[in-house]
PDB file of all heavy atoms in Angstrom:
ATOM      1  N   CYS A   1     -49.538  51.797  16.189  1.00  0.00           N
ATOM      2  CA  CYS A   1     -49.984  50.463  15.811  1.00  0.00           C
ATOM      3  C   CYS A   1     -48.879  49.762  14.978  1.00  0.00           C
ATOM      4  O   CYS A   1     -47.968  50.420  14.545  1.00  0.00           O
ATOM      5  CB  CYS A   1     -51.260  50.620  14.877  1.00  0.00           C
ATOM      6  SG  CYS A   1     -51.062  51.657  13.488  1.00  0.00           S
ATOM      7  N   THR A   2     -49.012  48.525  14.878  1.00  0.00           N
ATOM      8  CA  THR A   2     -48.029  47.728  14.187  1.00  0.00           C
ATOM      9  C   THR A   2     -47.958  48.234  12.762  1.00  0.00           C
ATOM     10  O   THR A   2     -48.934  48.297  12.007  1.00  0.00           O
ATOM     11  CB  THR A   2     -48.423  46.259  14.149  1.00  0.00           C
ATOM     12  OG1 THR A   2     -48.610  45.835  15.555  1.00  0.00           O
ATOM     13  CG2 THR A   2     -47.406  45.356  13.504  1.00  0.00           C
ATOM     14  N   GLY A   3     -46.686  48.482  12.239  1.00  0.00           N
ATOM     15  CA  GLY A   3     -46.529  48.911  10.954  1.00  0.00           C
ATOM     16  C   GLY A   3     -46.650  50.412  10.728  1.00  0.00           C
ATOM     17  O   GLY A   3     -46.509  50.874   9.550  1.00  0.00           O
ATOM     18  N   CYS A   4     -47.090  51.146  11.693  1.00  0.00           N
ATOM     19  CA  CYS A   4     -47.333  52.545  11.621  1.00  0.00           C
ATOM     20  C   CYS A   4     -46.007  53.349  11.851  1.00  0.00           C
ATOM     21  O   CYS A   4     -45.150  52.854  12.586  1.00  0.00           O
ATOM     22  CB  CYS A   4     -48.356  53.039  12.683  1.00  0.00           C
ATOM     23  SG  CYS A   4     -49.959  52.437  12.379  1.00  0.00           S
ATOM     24  N   PRO A   5     -45.882  54.421  11.269  1.00  0.00           N
ATOM     25  CA  PRO A   5     -44.643  55.274  11.504  1.00  0.00           C
ATOM     26  C   PRO A   5     -44.606  55.765  12.912  1.00  0.00           C
ATOM     27  O   PRO A   5     -45.630  56.001  13.515  1.00  0.00           O
ATOM     28  CB  PRO A   5     -44.737  56.484  10.463  1.00  0.00           C
ATOM     29  CG  PRO A   5     -46.208  56.533  10.204  1.00  0.00           C
ATOM     30  CD  PRO A   5     -46.832  55.198  10.310  1.00  0.00           C
ATOM     31  N   PRO A   6     -43.421  55.971  13.460  1.00  0.00           N
ATOM     32  CA  PRO A   6     -43.354  56.562  14.766  1.00  0.00           C
ATOM     33  C   PRO A   6     -43.911  57.998  14.846  1.00  0.00           C
ATOM     34  O   PRO A   6     -43.746  58.771  13.905  1.00  0.00           O
ATOM     35  CB  PRO A   6     -41.811  56.612  15.046  1.00  0.00           C
ATOM     36  CG  PRO A   6     -41.148  55.731  14.091  1.00  0.00           C
ATOM     37  CD  PRO A   6     -42.103  55.639  12.861  1.00  0.00           C
ATOM     38  N   LEU A   7     -44.610  58.293  15.928  1.00  0.00           N
ATOM     39  CA  LEU A   7     -45.275  59.643  16.048  1.00  0.00           C
ATOM     40  C   LEU A   7     -44.207  60.720  16.059  1.00  0.00           C
ATOM     41  O   LEU A   7     -44.534  61.799  15.487  1.00  0.00           O
ATOM     42  CB  LEU A   7     -46.228  59.591  17.231  1.00  0.00           C
ATOM     43  CG  LEU A   7     -47.378  58.708  17.202  1.00  0.00           C
ATOM     44  CD1 LEU A   7     -48.044  58.623  18.516  1.00  0.00           C
ATOM     45  CD2 LEU A   7     -48.306  59.168  16.079  1.00  0.00           C
ATOM     46  N   GLU A   8     -43.092  60.524  16.611  1.00  0.00           N
ATOM     47  CA  GLU A   8     -42.023  61.479  16.588  1.00  0.00           C
ATOM     48  C   GLU A   8     -41.660  61.892  15.179  1.00  0.00           C
ATOM     49  O   GLU A   8     -41.425  63.076  14.900  1.00  0.00           O
ATOM     50  CB  GLU A   8     -40.820  61.076  17.389  1.00  0.00           C
ATOM     51  CG  GLU A   8     -40.918  60.676  18.753  1.00  0.00           C
ATOM     52  CD  GLU A   8     -41.274  59.236  19.010  1.00  0.00           C
ATOM     53  OE1 GLU A   8     -41.681  58.460  18.085  1.00  0.00           O
ATOM     54  OE2 GLU A   8     -40.991  58.757  20.119  1.00  0.00           O
ATOM     55  N   GLN A   9     -41.566  60.925  14.316  1.00  0.00           N
ATOM     56  CA  GLN A   9     -41.215  61.192  12.895  1.00  0.00           C
ATOM     57  C   GLN A   9     -42.331  62.039  12.256  1.00  0.00           C
ATOM     58  O   GLN A   9     -41.962  62.993  11.528  1.00  0.00           O
ATOM     59  CB  GLN A   9     -41.136  59.805  12.150  1.00  0.00           C
ATOM     60  CG  GLN A   9     -40.884  59.966  10.727  1.00  0.00           C
ATOM     61  CD  GLN A   9     -40.923  58.608  10.004  1.00  0.00           C
ATOM     62  OE1 GLN A   9     -40.514  57.529  10.681  1.00  0.00           O
ATOM     63  NE2 GLN A   9     -41.313  58.537   8.724  1.00  0.00           N
ATOM     64  N   LEU A  10     -43.556  61.704  12.444  1.00  0.00           N
ATOM     65  CA  LEU A  10     -44.660  62.496  11.869  1.00  0.00           C
ATOM     66  C   LEU A  10     -44.690  63.951  12.388  1.00  0.00           C
ATOM     67  O   LEU A  10     -44.852  64.869  11.681  1.00  0.00           O
ATOM     68  CB  LEU A  10     -46.039  61.869  12.201  1.00  0.00           C
ATOM     69  CG  LEU A  10     -46.388  60.700  11.292  1.00  0.00           C
ATOM     70  CD1 LEU A  10     -47.763  60.100  11.703  1.00  0.00           C
ATOM     71  CD2 LEU A  10     -46.459  61.102   9.821  1.00  0.00           C
ATOM     72  N   ALA A  11     -44.432  64.111  13.723  1.00  0.00           N
ATOM     73  CA  ALA A  11     -44.337  65.361  14.379  1.00  0.00           C
ATOM     74  C   ALA A  11     -43.349  66.229  13.711  1.00  0.00           C
ATOM     75  O   ALA A  11     -43.464  67.464  13.383  1.00  0.00           O
ATOM     76  CB  ALA A  11     -44.229  65.307  15.857  1.00  0.00           C
ATOM     77  N   LYS A  12     -42.153  65.611  13.522  1.00  0.00           N
ATOM     78  CA  LYS A  12     -40.969  66.381  12.959  1.00  0.00           C
ATOM     79  C   LYS A  12     -41.287  66.728  11.518  1.00  0.00           C
ATOM     80  O   LYS A  12     -41.015  67.845  11.072  1.00  0.00           O
ATOM     81  CB  LYS A  12     -39.721  65.526  13.070  1.00  0.00           C
ATOM     82  CG  LYS A  12     -38.513  66.266  12.535  1.00  0.00           C
ATOM     83  CD  LYS A  12     -37.252  65.418  12.722  1.00  0.00           C
ATOM     84  CE  LYS A  12     -35.970  65.970  12.210  1.00  0.00           C
ATOM     85  NZ  LYS A  12     -36.027  67.148  11.334  1.00  0.00           N
ATOM     86  N   GLN A  13     -41.835  65.759  10.720  1.00  0.00           N
ATOM     87  CA  GLN A  13     -42.105  66.073   9.385  1.00  0.00           C
ATOM     88  C   GLN A  13     -43.148  67.130   9.245  1.00  0.00           C
ATOM     89  O   GLN A  13     -43.027  68.088   8.420  1.00  0.00           O
ATOM     90  CB  GLN A  13     -42.668  64.758   8.695  1.00  0.00           C
ATOM     91  CG  GLN A  13     -43.124  64.904   7.287  1.00  0.00           C
ATOM     92  CD  GLN A  13     -43.729  63.631   6.737  1.00  0.00           C
ATOM     93  OE1 GLN A  13     -43.571  62.515   7.279  1.00  0.00           O
ATOM     94  NE2 GLN A  13     -44.417  63.724   5.626  1.00  0.00           N
ATOM     95  N   PHE A  14     -44.107  67.218  10.115  1.00  0.00           N
ATOM     96  CA  PHE A  14     -45.162  68.194  10.146  1.00  0.00           C
ATOM     97  C   PHE A  14     -44.544  69.566  10.455  1.00  0.00           C
ATOM     98  O   PHE A  14     -44.754  70.520   9.682  1.00  0.00           O
ATOM     99  CB  PHE A  14     -46.194  67.837  11.234  1.00  0.00           C
ATOM    100  CG  PHE A  14     -47.279  68.867  11.383  1.00  0.00           C
ATOM    101  CD1 PHE A  14     -48.245  69.132  10.424  1.00  0.00           C
ATOM    102  CD2 PHE A  14     -47.348  69.651  12.550  1.00  0.00           C
ATOM    103  CE1 PHE A  14     -49.234  70.092  10.615  1.00  0.00           C
ATOM    104  CE2 PHE A  14     -48.331  70.583  12.796  1.00  0.00           C
ATOM    105  CZ  PHE A  14     -49.252  70.796  11.749  1.00  0.00           C
ATOM    106  N   ALA A  15     -43.762  69.639  11.486  1.00  0.00           N
ATOM    107  CA  ALA A  15     -43.143  70.877  11.913  1.00  0.00           C
ATOM    108  C   ALA A  15     -42.111  71.362  10.823  1.00  0.00           C
ATOM    109  O   ALA A  15     -42.123  72.626  10.498  1.00  0.00           O
ATOM    110  CB  ALA A  15     -42.423  70.727  13.234  1.00  0.00           C
ATOM    111  N   ASP A  16     -41.307  70.495  10.271  1.00  0.00           N
ATOM    112  CA  ASP A  16     -40.303  70.834   9.264  1.00  0.00           C
ATOM    113  C   ASP A  16     -40.911  71.402   7.981  1.00  0.00           C
ATOM    114  O   ASP A  16     -40.383  72.220   7.277  1.00  0.00           O
ATOM    115  CB  ASP A  16     -39.378  69.658   8.862  1.00  0.00           C
ATOM    116  CG  ASP A  16     -38.472  69.267   9.993  1.00  0.00           C
ATOM    117  OD1 ASP A  16     -38.267  70.033  10.973  1.00  0.00           O
ATOM    118  OD2 ASP A  16     -37.886  68.206   9.867  1.00  0.00           O
ATOM    119  N   ALA A  17     -42.208  70.978   7.738  1.00  0.00           N
ATOM    120  CA  ALA A  17     -42.943  71.528   6.559  1.00  0.00           C
ATOM    121  C   ALA A  17     -43.675  72.807   6.799  1.00  0.00           C
ATOM    122  O   ALA A  17     -44.490  73.147   6.004  1.00  0.00           O
ATOM    123  CB  ALA A  17     -43.835  70.383   5.990  1.00  0.00           C
ATOM    124  N   GLY A  18     -43.529  73.363   8.003  1.00  0.00           N
ATOM    125  CA  GLY A  18     -44.157  74.541   8.335  1.00  0.00           C
ATOM    126  C   GLY A  18     -45.509  74.438   9.097  1.00  0.00           C
ATOM    127  O   GLY A  18     -46.195  75.465   9.258  1.00  0.00           O
ATOM    128  N   GLY A  19     -45.828  73.242   9.447  1.00  0.00           N
ATOM    129  CA  GLY A  19     -47.111  73.025  10.177  1.00  0.00           C
ATOM    130  C   GLY A  19     -47.161  73.671  11.466  1.00  0.00           C
ATOM    131  O   GLY A  19     -46.097  73.861  12.130  1.00  0.00           O
ATOM    132  N   GLU A  20     -48.327  74.092  11.911  1.00  0.00           N
ATOM    133  CA  GLU A  20     -48.489  74.720  13.219  1.00  0.00           C
ATOM    134  C   GLU A  20     -49.410  73.885  14.052  1.00  0.00           C
ATOM    135  O   GLU A  20     -50.474  73.421  13.564  1.00  0.00           O
ATOM    136  CB  GLU A  20     -49.093  76.130  13.069  1.00  0.00           C
ATOM    137  CG  GLU A  20     -48.140  77.072  12.275  1.00  0.00           C
ATOM    138  CD  GLU A  20     -48.681  78.456  12.128  1.00  0.00           C
ATOM    139  OE1 GLU A  20     -49.407  78.877  13.069  1.00  0.00           O
ATOM    140  OE2 GLU A  20     -48.344  79.177  11.184  1.00  0.00           O
ATOM    141  N   LEU A  21     -49.109  73.867  15.306  1.00  0.00           N
ATOM    142  CA  LEU A  21     -49.904  73.186  16.401  1.00  0.00           C
ATOM    143  C   LEU A  21     -50.435  74.209  17.254  1.00  0.00           C
ATOM    144  O   LEU A  21     -49.690  74.955  17.972  1.00  0.00           O
ATOM    145  CB  LEU A  21     -49.109  72.158  17.113  1.00  0.00           C
ATOM    146  CG  LEU A  21     -49.810  71.336  18.148  1.00  0.00           C
ATOM    147  CD1 LEU A  21     -50.813  70.428  17.486  1.00  0.00           C
ATOM    148  CD2 LEU A  21     -48.819  70.550  19.027  1.00  0.00           C
ATOM    149  N   TRP A  22     -51.748  74.444  17.178  1.00  0.00           N
ATOM    150  CA  TRP A  22     -52.479  75.502  17.944  1.00  0.00           C
ATOM    151  C   TRP A  22     -53.135  74.802  19.170  1.00  0.00           C
ATOM    152  O   TRP A  22     -53.886  73.844  19.007  1.00  0.00           O
ATOM    153  CB  TRP A  22     -53.486  76.221  17.189  1.00  0.00           C
ATOM    154  CG  TRP A  22     -52.892  77.175  16.139  1.00  0.00           C
ATOM    155  CD1 TRP A  22     -51.583  77.418  15.859  1.00  0.00           C
ATOM    156  CD2 TRP A  22     -53.663  77.948  15.241  1.00  0.00           C
ATOM    157  NE1 TRP A  22     -51.502  78.248  14.836  1.00  0.00           N
ATOM    158  CE2 TRP A  22     -52.760  78.633  14.425  1.00  0.00           C
ATOM    159  CE3 TRP A  22     -55.017  78.159  15.029  1.00  0.00           C
ATOM    160  CZ2 TRP A  22     -53.203  79.514  13.353  1.00  0.00           C
ATOM    161  CZ3 TRP A  22     -55.409  78.996  13.975  1.00  0.00           C
ATOM    162  CH2 TRP A  22     -54.511  79.644  13.228  1.00  0.00           C
ATOM    163  N   LEU A  23     -52.816  75.262  20.385  1.00  0.00           N
ATOM    164  CA  LEU A  23     -53.406  74.687  21.571  1.00  0.00           C
ATOM    165  C   LEU A  23     -54.524  75.602  22.004  1.00  0.00           C
ATOM    166  O   LEU A  23     -54.401  76.809  22.183  1.00  0.00           O
ATOM    167  CB  LEU A  23     -52.371  74.600  22.673  1.00  0.00           C
ATOM    168  CG  LEU A  23     -51.084  73.917  22.356  1.00  0.00           C
ATOM    169  CD1 LEU A  23     -50.130  74.025  23.545  1.00  0.00           C
ATOM    170  CD2 LEU A  23     -51.216  72.539  21.918  1.00  0.00           C
ATOM    171  N   CYS A  24     -55.725  74.938  22.373  1.00  0.00           N
ATOM    172  CA  CYS A  24     -56.793  75.707  22.919  1.00  0.00           C
ATOM    173  C   CYS A  24     -56.410  76.220  24.245  1.00  0.00           C
ATOM    174  O   CYS A  24     -56.050  75.487  25.131  1.00  0.00           O
ATOM    175  CB  CYS A  24     -58.035  74.737  23.056  1.00  0.00           C
ATOM    176  SG  CYS A  24     -59.337  75.488  24.044  1.00  0.00           S
ATOM    177  N   PRO A  25     -56.378  77.554  24.491  1.00  0.00           N
ATOM    178  CA  PRO A  25     -55.852  78.097  25.780  1.00  0.00           C
ATOM    179  C   PRO A  25     -56.817  77.693  26.931  1.00  0.00           C
ATOM    180  O   PRO A  25     -56.285  77.522  28.019  1.00  0.00           O
ATOM    181  CB  PRO A  25     -55.930  79.620  25.496  1.00  0.00           C
ATOM    182  CG  PRO A  25     -56.752  79.842  24.306  1.00  0.00           C
ATOM    183  CD  PRO A  25     -56.776  78.655  23.522  1.00  0.00           C
ATOM    184  N   ILE A  26     -58.059  77.558  26.708  1.00  0.00           N
ATOM    185  CA  ILE A  26     -58.996  77.213  27.836  1.00  0.00           C
ATOM    186  C   ILE A  26     -58.705  75.813  28.245  1.00  0.00           C
ATOM    187  O   ILE A  26     -58.650  75.478  29.399  1.00  0.00           O
ATOM    188  CB  ILE A  26     -60.451  77.433  27.394  1.00  0.00           C
ATOM    189  CG1 ILE A  26     -60.759  78.964  27.156  1.00  0.00           C
ATOM    190  CG2 ILE A  26     -61.380  76.862  28.450  1.00  0.00           C
ATOM    191  CD1 ILE A  26     -62.037  79.209  26.462  1.00  0.00           C
ATOM    192  N   CYS A  27     -58.540  74.944  27.288  1.00  0.00           N
ATOM    193  CA  CYS A  27     -58.288  73.544  27.552  1.00  0.00           C
ATOM    194  C   CYS A  27     -56.945  73.401  28.259  1.00  0.00           C
ATOM    195  O   CYS A  27     -56.779  72.621  29.167  1.00  0.00           O
ATOM    196  CB  CYS A  27     -58.274  72.664  26.320  1.00  0.00           C
ATOM    197  SG  CYS A  27     -59.825  72.742  25.393  1.00  0.00           S
ATOM    198  N   LEU A  28     -55.956  74.177  27.795  1.00  0.00           N
ATOM    199  CA  LEU A  28     -54.574  74.049  28.363  1.00  0.00           C
ATOM    200  C   LEU A  28     -54.602  74.567  29.785  1.00  0.00           C
ATOM    201  O   LEU A  28     -54.037  73.857  30.670  1.00  0.00           O
ATOM    202  CB  LEU A  28     -53.657  74.933  27.469  1.00  0.00           C
ATOM    203  CG  LEU A  28     -52.194  74.908  27.870  1.00  0.00           C
ATOM    204  CD1 LEU A  28     -51.625  73.538  27.729  1.00  0.00           C
ATOM    205  CD2 LEU A  28     -51.443  75.902  27.039  1.00  0.00           C
ATOM    206  N   ASN A  29     -55.244  75.624  30.025  1.00  0.00           N
ATOM    207  CA  ASN A  29     -55.281  76.166  31.478  1.00  0.00           C
ATOM    208  C   ASN A  29     -56.028  75.211  32.361  1.00  0.00           C
ATOM    209  O   ASN A  29     -55.739  75.142  33.602  1.00  0.00           O
ATOM    210  CB  ASN A  29     -55.938  77.559  31.449  1.00  0.00           C
ATOM    211  CG  ASN A  29     -55.038  78.630  30.884  1.00  0.00           C
ATOM    212  OD1 ASN A  29     -53.814  78.480  30.854  1.00  0.00           O
ATOM    213  ND2 ASN A  29     -55.628  79.664  30.389  1.00  0.00           N
ATOM    214  N   SER A  30     -57.004  74.450  31.922  1.00  0.00           N
ATOM    215  CA  SER A  30     -57.753  73.596  32.790  1.00  0.00           C
ATOM    216  C   SER A  30     -56.949  72.257  33.042  1.00  0.00           C
ATOM    217  O   SER A  30     -57.436  71.535  33.989  1.00  0.00           O
ATOM    218  CB  SER A  30     -59.180  73.263  32.179  1.00  0.00           C
ATOM    219  OG  SER A  30     -58.972  72.417  31.014  1.00  0.00           O
ATOM    220  N   ARG A  31     -55.932  72.040  32.293  1.00  0.00           N
ATOM    221  CA  ARG A  31     -55.187  70.836  32.560  1.00  0.00           C
ATOM    222  C   ARG A  31     -53.816  71.185  33.144  1.00  0.00           C
ATOM    223  O   ARG A  31     -52.987  70.470  33.452  1.00  0.00           O
ATOM    224  CB  ARG A  31     -54.990  70.060  31.233  1.00  0.00           C
ATOM    225  CG  ARG A  31     -56.297  69.432  30.909  1.00  0.00           C
ATOM    226  CD  ARG A  31     -56.415  69.020  29.454  1.00  0.00           C
ATOM    227  NE  ARG A  31     -57.714  68.336  29.258  1.00  0.00           N
ATOM    228  CZ  ARG A  31     -58.895  68.911  29.133  1.00  0.00           C
ATOM    229  NH1 ARG A  31     -59.009  70.256  29.167  1.00  0.00           N
ATOM    230  NH2 ARG A  31     -59.983  68.256  28.959  1.00  0.00           N
TER     231      ARG A  31
END
């Protein structure tokens, strides 16, 4: 959205701070 931070920046900030992204394996396999 207008004025919002870039999503890449948030993803990097999240990962750099030790955040984890867990993917549902069932959802992943179905896609």
